[in-house]
C-alpha atoms as a PDB file:
ATOM      1  CA  MET A   1      77.345 217.583 111.532  1.00  0.00           C
ATOM      2  CA  GLU A   2      77.165 216.236 114.589  1.00  0.00           C
ATOM      3  CA  LEU A   3      73.004 216.418 113.576  1.00  0.00           C
ATOM      4  CA  ARG A   4      74.269 215.445 110.138  1.00  0.00           C
ATOM      5  CA  LYS A   5      76.488 212.510 112.104  1.00  0.00           C
ATOM      6  CA  GLN A   6      72.565 211.653 114.593  1.00  0.00           C
ATOM      7  CA  HIS A   7      71.117 211.301 111.212  1.00  0.00           C
ATOM      8  CA  GLU A   8      73.290 207.977 109.703  1.00  0.00           C
ATOM      9  CA  SER A   9      73.311 206.620 113.045  1.00  0.00           C
ATOM     10  CA  ASN A  10      69.336 206.556 113.099  1.00  0.00           C
ATOM     11  CA  ILE A  11      69.375 205.329 109.793  1.00  0.00           C
ATOM     12  CA  SER A  12      68.946 200.450 109.955  1.00  0.00           C
ATOM     13  CA  PRO A  13      71.298 199.184 108.359  1.00  0.00           C
ATOM     14  CA  GLU A  14      70.060 196.651 105.667  1.00  0.00           C
ATOM     15  CA  VAL A  15      69.068 193.616 106.180  1.00  0.00           C
ATOM     16  CA  PRO A  16      69.473 189.916 105.126  1.00  0.00           C
ATOM     17  CA  ASP A  17      66.094 189.636 102.693  1.00  0.00           C
ATOM     18  CA  GLU A  18      66.203 185.823 104.236  1.00  0.00           C
ATOM     19  CA  TRP A  19      66.046 186.815 107.319  1.00  0.00           C
ATOM     20  CA  PHE A  20      62.132 188.011 106.763  1.00  0.00           C
ATOM     21  CA  VAL A  21      61.915 184.235 105.802  1.00  0.00           C
ATOM     22  CA  PRO A  22      59.186 183.697 108.242  1.00  0.00           C
ATOM     23  CA  LYS A  23      59.422 180.601 111.417  1.00  0.00           C
ATOM     24  CA  PRO A  24      58.303 176.848 111.417  1.00  0.00           C
ATOM     25  CA  LYS A  25      55.729 177.715 113.816  1.00  0.00           C
ATOM     26  CA  ASP A  26      54.919 181.339 112.236  1.00  0.00           C
ATOM     27  CA  ARG A  27      53.938 179.149 108.645  1.00  0.00           C
ATOM     28  CA  ASN A  28      51.681 177.918 111.207  1.00  0.00           C
ATOM     29  CA  GLU A  29      49.812 180.315 112.291  1.00  0.00           C
ATOM     30  CA  ALA A  30      49.354 181.845 109.261  1.00  0.00           C
ATOM     31  CA  GLU A  31      48.474 178.360 107.559  1.00  0.00           C
ATOM     32  CA  ALA A  32      45.864 178.302 109.684  1.00  0.00           C
ATOM     33  CA  VAL A  33      44.514 181.229 109.172  1.00  0.00           C
ATOM     34  CA  VAL A  34      44.312 181.189 105.305  1.00  0.00           C
ATOM     35  CA  ARG A  35      42.588 176.732 105.687  1.00  0.00           C
ATOM     36  CA  PRO A  36      39.017 176.926 105.174  1.00  0.00           C
ATOM     37  CA  SER A  37      37.387 176.881 108.474  1.00  0.00           C
ATOM     38  CA  LEU A  38      35.993 172.951 109.564  1.00  0.00           C
ATOM     39  CA  SER A  39      32.318 172.962 109.869  1.00  0.00           C
ATOM     40  CA  TYR A  40      30.968 171.518 113.942  1.00  0.00           C
ATOM     41  CA  TRP A  41      30.343 168.036 112.332  1.00  0.00           C
ATOM     42  CA  GLN A  42      33.862 168.319 110.096  1.00  0.00           C
ATOM     43  CA  ASP A  43      35.940 169.542 113.582  1.00  0.00           C
ATOM     44  CA  SER A  44      33.983 166.930 115.982  1.00  0.00           C
ATOM     45  CA  TRP A  45      34.872 163.632 113.049  1.00  0.00           C
ATOM     46  CA  ARG A  46      38.363 165.203 112.734  1.00  0.00           C
ATOM     47  CA  ARG A  47      39.082 165.639 116.494  1.00  0.00           C
ATOM     48  CA  LEU A  48      37.860 161.934 116.965  1.00  0.00           C
ATOM     49  CA  LEU A  49      40.137 160.075 114.478  1.00  0.00           C
ATOM     50  CA  LYS A  50      42.397 161.107 117.235  1.00  0.00           C
ATOM     51  CA  ASN A  51      41.252 159.457 119.812  1.00  0.00           C
ATOM     52  CA  LYS A  52      42.375 156.171 119.134  1.00  0.00           C
ATOM     53  CA  LEU A  53      40.628 154.131 121.565  1.00  0.00           C
ATOM     54  CA  ALA A  54      37.488 155.381 120.897  1.00  0.00           C
ATOM     55  CA  MET A  55      37.785 154.139 117.213  1.00  0.00           C
ATOM     56  CA  GLY A  56      38.867 150.974 117.986  1.00  0.00           C
ATOM     57  CA  GLY A  57      35.536 151.444 119.618  1.00  0.00           C
ATOM     58  CA  LEU A  58      33.216 151.631 116.432  1.00  0.00           C
ATOM     59  CA  VAL A  59      35.754 149.364 114.622  1.00  0.00           C
ATOM     60  CA  PHE A  60      35.054 146.657 116.660  1.00  0.00           C
ATOM     61  CA  LEU A  61      31.228 147.736 116.560  1.00  0.00           C
ATOM     62  CA  VAL A  62      30.879 147.782 112.881  1.00  0.00           C
ATOM     63  CA  LEU A  63      32.975 144.495 113.108  1.00  0.00           C
ATOM     64  CA  LEU A  64      30.139 143.274 115.236  1.00  0.00           C
ATOM     65  CA  VAL A  65      27.493 144.690 113.324  1.00  0.00           C
ATOM     66  CA  PHE A  66      28.626 143.244 109.861  1.00  0.00           C
ATOM     67  CA  MET A  67      29.678 139.541 111.603  1.00  0.00           C
ATOM     68  CA  ALA A  68      26.264 139.474 113.649  1.00  0.00           C
ATOM     69  CA  ILE A  69      24.904 139.643 109.553  1.00  0.00           C
ATOM     70  CA  ILE A  70      26.890 137.259 107.709  1.00  0.00           C
ATOM     71  CA  GLY A  71      27.692 135.219 110.887  1.00  0.00           C
ATOM     72  CA  PRO A  72      25.507 132.206 110.557  1.00  0.00           C
ATOM     73  CA  LEU A  73      26.594 132.003 106.497  1.00  0.00           C
ATOM     74  CA  LEU A  74      30.274 131.190 107.558  1.00  0.00           C
ATOM     75  CA  SER A  75      29.916 128.425 109.099  1.00  0.00           C
ATOM     76  CA  PRO A  76      28.677 125.126 107.607  1.00  0.00           C
ATOM     77  CA  HIS A  77      26.533 124.449 110.427  1.00  0.00           C
ATOM     78  CA  THR A  78      23.662 125.543 111.558  1.00  0.00           C
ATOM     79  CA  LEU A  79      21.088 125.547 114.851  1.00  0.00           C
ATOM     80  CA  ASP A  80      20.298 122.051 114.008  1.00  0.00           C
ATOM     81  CA  GLN A  81      20.765 119.480 117.537  1.00  0.00           C
ATOM     82  CA  GLU A  82      23.224 117.054 117.199  1.00  0.00           C
ATOM     83  CA  LEU A  83      22.983 115.117 119.749  1.00  0.00           C
ATOM     84  CA  THR A  84      26.130 112.967 118.862  1.00  0.00           C
ATOM     85  CA  ARG A  85      28.567 116.517 119.002  1.00  0.00           C
ATOM     86  CA  GLN A  86      27.536 117.105 122.252  1.00  0.00           C
ATOM     87  CA  ASN A  87      30.675 119.296 124.467  1.00  0.00           C
ATOM     88  CA  LEU A  88      32.913 119.197 121.346  1.00  0.00           C
ATOM     89  CA  PRO A  89      35.599 122.006 121.994  1.00  0.00           C
ATOM     90  CA  PRO A  90      36.060 124.413 119.305  1.00  0.00           C
ATOM     91  CA  SER A  91      38.011 123.204 116.571  1.00  0.00           C
ATOM     92  CA  SER A  92      38.597 123.210 113.470  1.00  0.00           C
ATOM     93  CA  GLU A  93      34.794 122.185 112.276  1.00  0.00           C
ATOM     94  CA  TYR A  94      33.482 123.629 115.216  1.00  0.00           C
ATOM     95  CA  TRP A  95      34.970 127.298 115.522  1.00  0.00           C
ATOM     96  CA  PHE A  96      33.506 127.920 119.014  1.00  0.00           C
ATOM     97  CA  GLY A  97      33.152 124.772 119.786  1.00  0.00           C
ATOM     98  CA  THR A  98      29.212 123.037 120.681  1.00  0.00           C
ATOM     99  CA  ASP A  99      26.772 122.862 123.268  1.00  0.00           C
ATOM    100  CA  GLU A 100      25.166 120.292 125.656  1.00  0.00           C
ATOM    101  CA  LEU A 101      22.403 119.332 122.268  1.00  0.00           C
ATOM    102  CA  GLY A 102      25.190 119.460 119.790  1.00  0.00           C
ATOM    103  CA  ARG A 103      24.591 122.658 118.185  1.00  0.00           C
ATOM    104  CA  ASP A 104      27.214 125.259 117.226  1.00  0.00           C
ATOM    105  CA  VAL A 105      28.366 128.071 119.528  1.00  0.00           C
ATOM    106  CA  PHE A 106      29.237 129.843 116.449  1.00  0.00           C
ATOM    107  CA  THR A 107      25.917 129.987 114.868  1.00  0.00           C
ATOM    108  CA  ARG A 108      24.935 130.594 117.660  1.00  0.00           C
ATOM    109  CA  THR A 109      27.389 133.603 118.856  1.00  0.00           C
ATOM    110  CA  TRP A 110      25.792 135.717 116.032  1.00  0.00           C
ATOM    111  CA  HIS A 111      22.212 134.796 115.597  1.00  0.00           C
ATOM    112  CA  GLY A 112      22.447 136.417 119.920  1.00  0.00           C
ATOM    113  CA  ALA A 113      24.661 138.669 119.051  1.00  0.00           C
ATOM    114  CA  ARG A 114      21.512 139.949 116.748  1.00  0.00           C
ATOM    115  CA  VAL A 115      18.848 139.746 119.176  1.00  0.00           C
ATOM    116  CA  SER A 116      21.007 141.435 121.414  1.00  0.00           C
ATOM    117  CA  LEU A 117      22.166 144.064 119.084  1.00  0.00           C
ATOM    118  CA  PHE A 118      18.118 144.250 117.345  1.00  0.00           C
ATOM    119  CA  VAL A 119      16.901 145.391 121.683  1.00  0.00           C
ATOM    120  CA  GLY A 120      19.046 147.551 122.100  1.00  0.00           C
ATOM    121  CA  ALA A 121      18.485 149.914 118.810  1.00  0.00           C
ATOM    122  CA  ALA A 122      14.586 149.525 119.130  1.00  0.00           C
ATOM    123  CA  ALA A 123      15.455 151.036 122.928  1.00  0.00           C
ATOM    124  CA  ALA A 124      17.216 153.170 122.080  1.00  0.00           C
ATOM    125  CA  LEU A 125      15.567 154.204 119.301  1.00  0.00           C
ATOM    126  CA  ILE A 126      11.683 154.586 122.002  1.00  0.00           C
ATOM    127  CA  ASP A 127      13.824 156.249 124.484  1.00  0.00           C
ATOM    128  CA  PHE A 128      15.627 158.843 121.956  1.00  0.00           C
ATOM    129  CA  ILE A 129      12.528 159.876 120.600  1.00  0.00           C
ATOM    130  CA  ILE A 130       9.476 159.610 124.436  1.00  0.00           C
ATOM    131  CA  GLY A 131      13.058 161.355 125.907  1.00  0.00           C
ATOM    132  CA  VAL A 132      13.381 163.947 123.214  1.00  0.00           C
ATOM    133  CA  ILE A 133      10.008 165.097 122.646  1.00  0.00           C
ATOM    134  CA  TYR A 134       9.316 165.109 126.577  1.00  0.00           C
ATOM    135  CA  GLY A 135      12.247 166.349 127.342  1.00  0.00           C
ATOM    136  CA  GLY A 136      12.204 169.520 124.519  1.00  0.00           C
ATOM    137  CA  ILE A 137       8.514 170.113 125.144  1.00  0.00           C
ATOM    138  CA  ALA A 138       9.073 170.584 128.808  1.00  0.00           C
ATOM    139  CA  GLY A 139      12.128 172.625 128.973  1.00  0.00           C
ATOM    140  CA  TYR A 140      10.797 175.447 126.298  1.00  0.00           C
ATOM    141  CA  LYS A 141       7.416 175.702 127.795  1.00  0.00           C
ATOM    142  CA  GLY A 142       8.987 176.145 131.657  1.00  0.00           C
ATOM    143  CA  GLY A 143       7.166 177.965 134.013  1.00  0.00           C
ATOM    144  CA  ARG A 144       4.329 175.466 135.596  1.00  0.00           C
ATOM    145  CA  THR A 145       4.464 173.237 132.470  1.00  0.00           C
ATOM    146  CA  ASP A 146       7.983 171.996 133.063  1.00  0.00           C
ATOM    147  CA  ASN A 147       7.107 172.156 137.204  1.00  0.00           C
ATOM    148  CA  LEU A 148       4.647 169.045 136.350  1.00  0.00           C
ATOM    149  CA  MET A 149       6.246 167.019 134.131  1.00  0.00           C
ATOM    150  CA  MET A 150       9.214 167.495 135.837  1.00  0.00           C
ATOM    151  CA  ARG A 151       7.524 165.554 138.889  1.00  0.00           C
ATOM    152  CA  ILE A 152       6.489 163.251 136.560  1.00  0.00           C
ATOM    153  CA  VAL A 153      10.418 162.085 135.653  1.00  0.00           C
ATOM    154  CA  GLU A 154      11.558 162.272 139.701  1.00  0.00           C
ATOM    155  CA  ILE A 155       8.030 159.686 140.595  1.00  0.00           C
ATOM    156  CA  LEU A 156       9.469 157.757 137.289  1.00  0.00           C
ATOM    157  CA  TYR A 157      13.384 157.689 138.293  1.00  0.00           C
ATOM    158  CA  GLY A 158      12.607 157.128 141.750  1.00  0.00           C
ATOM    159  CA  LEU A 159      12.132 153.717 140.987  1.00  0.00           C
ATOM    160  CA  PRO A 160      14.034 150.840 140.658  1.00  0.00           C
ATOM    161  CA  TYR A 161      15.229 150.531 137.043  1.00  0.00           C
ATOM    162  CA  LEU A 162      15.455 145.968 136.991  1.00  0.00           C
ATOM    163  CA  LEU A 163      12.609 145.953 139.626  1.00  0.00           C
ATOM    164  CA  VAL A 164       9.791 147.239 136.966  1.00  0.00           C
ATOM    165  CA  VAL A 165      11.687 145.691 134.205  1.00  0.00           C
ATOM    166  CA  ILE A 166      11.488 142.005 135.449  1.00  0.00           C
ATOM    167  CA  LEU A 167       7.895 142.966 137.325  1.00  0.00           C
ATOM    168  CA  LEU A 168       6.640 144.328 133.764  1.00  0.00           C
ATOM    169  CA  MET A 169       8.727 140.546 132.048  1.00  0.00           C
ATOM    170  CA  VAL A 170       5.785 139.065 135.001  1.00  0.00           C
ATOM    171  CA  VAL A 171       3.099 140.581 133.963  1.00  0.00           C
ATOM    172  CA  LEU A 172       3.312 140.903 130.944  1.00  0.00           C
ATOM    173  CA  GLY A 173       4.954 137.288 129.514  1.00  0.00           C
ATOM    174  CA  PRO A 174       8.572 137.001 128.000  1.00  0.00           C
ATOM    175  CA  GLY A 175       9.554 138.159 125.081  1.00  0.00           C
ATOM    176  CA  LEU A 176      10.853 139.745 122.634  1.00  0.00           C
ATOM    177  CA  SER A 177       9.201 142.669 122.608  1.00  0.00           C
ATOM    178  CA  THR A 178       7.625 142.479 125.790  1.00  0.00           C
ATOM    179  CA  ILE A 179      11.904 143.427 126.974  1.00  0.00           C
ATOM    180  CA  ILE A 180      11.486 146.227 124.671  1.00  0.00           C
ATOM    181  CA  VAL A 181       8.494 147.795 125.630  1.00  0.00           C
ATOM    182  CA  ALA A 182      10.068 146.806 129.591  1.00  0.00           C
ATOM    183  CA  LEU A 183      13.573 148.773 128.997  1.00  0.00           C
ATOM    184  CA  SER A 184      11.405 152.288 127.854  1.00  0.00           C
ATOM    185  CA  VAL A 185       9.485 152.072 129.884  1.00  0.00           C
ATOM    186  CA  THR A 186      11.972 154.058 132.396  1.00  0.00           C
ATOM    187  CA  GLY A 187      14.667 154.251 129.853  1.00  0.00           C
ATOM    188  CA  TRP A 188      13.870 158.126 128.299  1.00  0.00           C
ATOM    189  CA  ILE A 189      14.200 159.491 131.893  1.00  0.00           C
ATOM    190  CA  GLY A 190      17.848 159.439 131.293  1.00  0.00           C
ATOM    191  CA  MET A 191      17.246 161.687 126.990  1.00  0.00           C
ATOM    192  CA  ALA A 192      13.874 163.966 128.871  1.00  0.00           C
ATOM    193  CA  ARG A 193      16.222 165.292 131.826  1.00  0.00           C
ATOM    194  CA  ILE A 194      20.119 166.254 129.241  1.00  0.00           C
ATOM    195  CA  VAL A 195      17.282 167.920 126.457  1.00  0.00           C
ATOM    196  CA  ARG A 196      15.021 169.969 129.164  1.00  0.00           C
ATOM    197  CA  GLY A 197      18.783 170.687 130.475  1.00  0.00           C
ATOM    198  CA  GLN A 198      19.826 172.011 127.006  1.00  0.00           C
ATOM    199  CA  VAL A 199      16.715 173.359 125.536  1.00  0.00           C
ATOM    200  CA  LEU A 200      16.534 175.640 128.743  1.00  0.00           C
ATOM    201  CA  GLN A 201      19.711 177.088 127.544  1.00  0.00           C
ATOM    202  CA  ILE A 202      19.374 177.896 124.410  1.00  0.00           C
ATOM    203  CA  LYS A 203      15.670 178.465 124.073  1.00  0.00           C
ATOM    204  CA  ASN A 204      16.747 182.385 125.336  1.00  0.00           C
ATOM    205  CA  TYR A 205      19.265 182.603 122.568  1.00  0.00           C
ATOM    206  CA  GLU A 206      19.385 185.046 119.602  1.00  0.00           C
ATOM    207  CA  PHE A 207      17.661 183.081 117.146  1.00  0.00           C
ATOM    208  CA  VAL A 208      15.007 181.732 119.016  1.00  0.00           C
ATOM    209  CA  LEU A 209      13.536 184.276 120.055  1.00  0.00           C
ATOM    210  CA  ALA A 210      13.305 185.815 116.571  1.00  0.00           C
ATOM    211  CA  SER A 211      11.363 182.621 115.745  1.00  0.00           C
ATOM    212  CA  LYS A 212       8.919 183.095 118.326  1.00  0.00           C
ATOM    213  CA  THR A 213       8.434 187.506 116.655  1.00  0.00           C
ATOM    214  CA  PHE A 214       7.640 186.363 113.989  1.00  0.00           C
ATOM    215  CA  GLY A 215       5.138 183.460 114.874  1.00  0.00           C
ATOM    216  CA  THR A 216       6.825 180.905 114.135  1.00  0.00           C
ATOM    217  CA  LYS A 217       4.761 177.720 115.803  1.00  0.00           C
ATOM    218  CA  THR A 218       6.231 175.438 118.954  1.00  0.00           C
ATOM    219  CA  GLY A 219       7.231 172.248 117.140  1.00  0.00           C
ATOM    220  CA  ARG A 220       8.564 173.985 114.105  1.00  0.00           C
ATOM    221  CA  ILE A 221      11.077 176.051 117.090  1.00  0.00           C
ATOM    222  CA  LEU A 222      11.752 172.717 118.748  1.00  0.00           C
ATOM    223  CA  ARG A 223      12.463 171.108 115.287  1.00  0.00           C
ATOM    224  CA  LYS A 224      14.026 173.440 113.770  1.00  0.00           C
ATOM    225  CA  ASN A 225      15.938 175.366 115.640  1.00  0.00           C
ATOM    226  CA  LEU A 226      16.689 173.904 119.913  1.00  0.00           C
ATOM    227  CA  LEU A 227      16.796 170.097 118.838  1.00  0.00           C
ATOM    228  CA  PRO A 228      19.703 170.475 116.269  1.00  0.00           C
ATOM    229  CA  ASN A 229      21.189 172.407 119.249  1.00  0.00           C
ATOM    230  CA  THR A 230      21.170 170.013 121.246  1.00  0.00           C
ATOM    231  CA  MET A 231      22.536 166.803 119.158  1.00  0.00           C
ATOM    232  CA  GLY A 232      25.464 166.372 120.842  1.00  0.00           C
ATOM    233  CA  PRO A 233      24.374 165.143 123.853  1.00  0.00           C
ATOM    234  CA  ILE A 234      22.150 163.050 122.417  1.00  0.00           C
ATOM    235  CA  ILE A 235      24.137 161.397 120.665  1.00  0.00           C
ATOM    236  CA  VAL A 236      26.621 160.436 123.579  1.00  0.00           C
ATOM    237  CA  GLN A 237      23.166 159.572 125.242  1.00  0.00           C
ATOM    238  CA  LEU A 238      22.248 157.347 122.938  1.00  0.00           C
ATOM    239  CA  THR A 239      26.033 155.687 122.815  1.00  0.00           C
ATOM    240  CA  LEU A 240      24.874 155.150 126.590  1.00  0.00           C
ATOM    241  CA  THR A 241      21.837 153.746 126.012  1.00  0.00           C
ATOM    242  CA  VAL A 242      22.516 150.575 123.552  1.00  0.00           C
ATOM    243  CA  PRO A 243      24.536 149.270 126.037  1.00  0.00           C
ATOM    244  CA  THR A 244      22.492 149.724 128.663  1.00  0.00           C
ATOM    245  CA  ALA A 245      19.774 147.809 127.172  1.00  0.00           C
ATOM    246  CA  ILE A 246      21.846 145.528 125.585  1.00  0.00           C
ATOM    247  CA  PHE A 247      23.376 144.658 129.923  1.00  0.00           C
ATOM    248  CA  ALA A 248      19.875 144.892 131.754  1.00  0.00           C
ATOM    249  CA  GLU A 249      18.428 142.375 128.337  1.00  0.00           C
ATOM    250  CA  ALA A 250      21.208 139.486 129.220  1.00  0.00           C
ATOM    251  CA  PHE A 251      19.822 140.080 132.317  1.00  0.00           C
ATOM    252  CA  LEU A 252      17.187 138.988 132.243  1.00  0.00           C
ATOM    253  CA  SER A 253      17.766 136.246 129.413  1.00  0.00           C
ATOM    254  CA  PHE A 254      20.315 135.192 132.402  1.00  0.00           C
ATOM    255  CA  LEU A 255      17.426 134.896 134.863  1.00  0.00           C
ATOM    256  CA  GLY A 256      14.863 132.600 132.209  1.00  0.00           C
ATOM    257  CA  LEU A 257      13.294 136.237 131.604  1.00  0.00           C
ATOM    258  CA  GLY A 258      14.432 137.353 128.419  1.00  0.00           C
ATOM    259  CA  ILE A 259      14.501 136.097 125.506  1.00  0.00           C
ATOM    260  CA  GLN A 260      12.701 131.978 125.172  1.00  0.00           C
ATOM    261  CA  PRO A 261      13.833 128.893 123.073  1.00  0.00           C
ATOM    262  CA  PRO A 262      14.097 128.277 120.811  1.00  0.00           C
ATOM    263  CA  HIS A 263      15.811 131.565 119.997  1.00  0.00           C
ATOM    264  CA  THR A 264      19.238 133.136 121.164  1.00  0.00           C
ATOM    265  CA  SER A 265      20.351 135.561 122.957  1.00  0.00           C
ATOM    266  CA  TRP A 266      24.412 136.197 124.645  1.00  0.00           C
ATOM    267  CA  GLY A 267      22.578 136.597 128.167  1.00  0.00           C
ATOM    268  CA  MET A 268      20.456 132.230 127.641  1.00  0.00           C
ATOM    269  CA  MET A 269      23.410 130.909 126.661  1.00  0.00           C
ATOM    270  CA  ALA A 270      25.967 132.426 129.584  1.00  0.00           C
ATOM    271  CA  ASN A 271      23.121 130.827 131.447  1.00  0.00           C
ATOM    272  CA  ASP A 272      23.467 127.746 129.693  1.00  0.00           C
ATOM    273  CA  GLY A 273      26.616 127.738 130.154  1.00  0.00           C
ATOM    274  CA  LEU A 274      27.680 128.550 133.454  1.00  0.00           C
ATOM    275  CA  SER A 275      26.000 125.895 134.792  1.00  0.00           C
ATOM    276  CA  THR A 276      28.853 123.893 132.810  1.00  0.00           C
ATOM    277  CA  ILE A 277      31.517 125.548 133.883  1.00  0.00           C
ATOM    278  CA  LEU A 278      32.170 123.282 136.314  1.00  0.00           C
ATOM    279  CA  SER A 279      32.525 120.134 134.326  1.00  0.00           C
ATOM    280  CA  GLY A 280      34.697 121.769 131.951  1.00  0.00           C
ATOM    281  CA  TYR A 281      32.766 123.118 128.961  1.00  0.00           C
ATOM    282  CA  TRP A 282      34.645 126.663 129.523  1.00  0.00           C
ATOM    283  CA  TRP A 283      33.824 127.555 126.019  1.00  0.00           C
ATOM    284  CA  ARG A 284      30.108 127.752 126.545  1.00  0.00           C
ATOM    285  CA  LEU A 285      30.409 130.174 128.794  1.00  0.00           C
ATOM    286  CA  PHE A 286      33.444 132.648 127.461  1.00  0.00           C
ATOM    287  CA  PHE A 287      32.100 133.446 124.447  1.00  0.00           C
ATOM    288  CA  PRO A 288      28.743 135.227 125.272  1.00  0.00           C
ATOM    289  CA  ALA A 289      30.155 136.782 128.562  1.00  0.00           C
ATOM    290  CA  PHE A 290      32.854 137.845 126.246  1.00  0.00           C
ATOM    291  CA  PHE A 291      30.997 139.783 123.492  1.00  0.00           C
ATOM    292  CA  ILE A 292      28.732 140.864 126.675  1.00  0.00           C
ATOM    293  CA  SER A 293      31.569 143.147 128.224  1.00  0.00           C
ATOM    294  CA  ALA A 294      33.686 143.818 124.575  1.00  0.00           C
ATOM    295  CA  THR A 295      29.820 145.505 123.008  1.00  0.00           C
ATOM    296  CA  MET A 296      29.343 147.693 126.919  1.00  0.00           C
ATOM    297  CA  PHE A 297      33.036 148.458 126.956  1.00  0.00           C
ATOM    298  CA  ALA A 298      33.172 149.912 122.300  1.00  0.00           C
ATOM    299  CA  PHE A 299      30.194 151.594 123.246  1.00  0.00           C
ATOM    300  CA  ASN A 300      31.333 153.333 126.548  1.00  0.00           C
ATOM    301  CA  VAL A 301      34.348 154.246 124.810  1.00  0.00           C
ATOM    302  CA  LEU A 302      32.706 154.944 122.201  1.00  0.00           C
ATOM    303  CA  GLY A 303      30.630 157.708 124.022  1.00  0.00           C
ATOM    304  CA  ASP A 304      32.733 158.375 125.271  1.00  0.00           C
ATOM    305  CA  GLY A 305      35.458 160.063 122.649  1.00  0.00           C
ATOM    306  CA  LEU A 306      32.242 161.092 121.550  1.00  0.00           C
ATOM    307  CA  GLN A 307      30.992 163.201 124.769  1.00  0.00           C
ATOM    308  CA  ASP A 308      35.092 164.971 123.739  1.00  0.00           C
ATOM    309  CA  ALA A 309      34.107 165.724 120.439  1.00  0.00           C
ATOM    310  CA  LEU A 310      31.268 166.952 120.647  1.00  0.00           C
ATOM    311  CA  ASP A 311      31.566 169.350 122.949  1.00  0.00           C
ATOM    312  CA  PRO A 312      32.386 172.808 122.235  1.00  0.00           C
ATOM    313  CA  LYS A 313      34.511 174.039 124.502  1.00  0.00           C
ATOM    314  CA  LEU A 314      37.300 171.923 123.063  1.00  0.00           C
ATOM    315  CA  ARG A 315      36.445 173.036 119.953  1.00  0.00           C
ATOM    316  CA  ARG A 316      40.203 174.833 117.950  1.00  0.00           C
END
């Protein structure tokens, strides 16, 4: 009898079925397991969308490029001089006012945006090509090749950036092509150092060693195995290179060493507006200075957002 009572006491009482309904937290975890996994780029985009500041910068840059394309077409005025309409304040007729030659500041602003964005994009593209090739070869080869190549980088890195650019501008003469060349002389150094560091980490991975074992050529290994796995830091560096080039171009144009008339840029407009700000013509300096500052801020917050989104350590 005692054994029977003990056996009955060990039997669990009936539990209602609703007690087995998973809690919301458990249900979410179960759905996460069943849900198909995202790729690296899909997960990075999802995390970038959650960064409101970075997405705001991206939206601003998209609108800026759009306005640089169609902005001059929206204004009824051209870049022609109208001396009877000098230094008019912003109004319904002249949205950004006019300058000392009666030219529409709104139209000039978007023409200047074309030049500034073109310089930034061209300099970033050249830095990307030179930096990726140079840094990729240095990191992959290693040894004496790496030491020699990086000593050259250190020598160039020790030179003052703006001093080299100004010197080249003086020697070669001002102009759009000269600005791009001058910005690209030492601008690729940062990209090369980042790519080298990434390649040094990846080149000893199993899939790279397997490619070497099968006799794959160096160029193909760099192109197919190493560079695709370093695109995250490269993209982040590109977003930081563009505003640097835009600011350098604006600075050179502000000093009179950049874009020359009849072409225009934000730096040239800021230089023209600075001399008249004490006369009360504030709009001539405000609009180019605003777009220079806003563009640099947008690129920097986008770069910070991409750095967080593309960091594999933060992937969940």
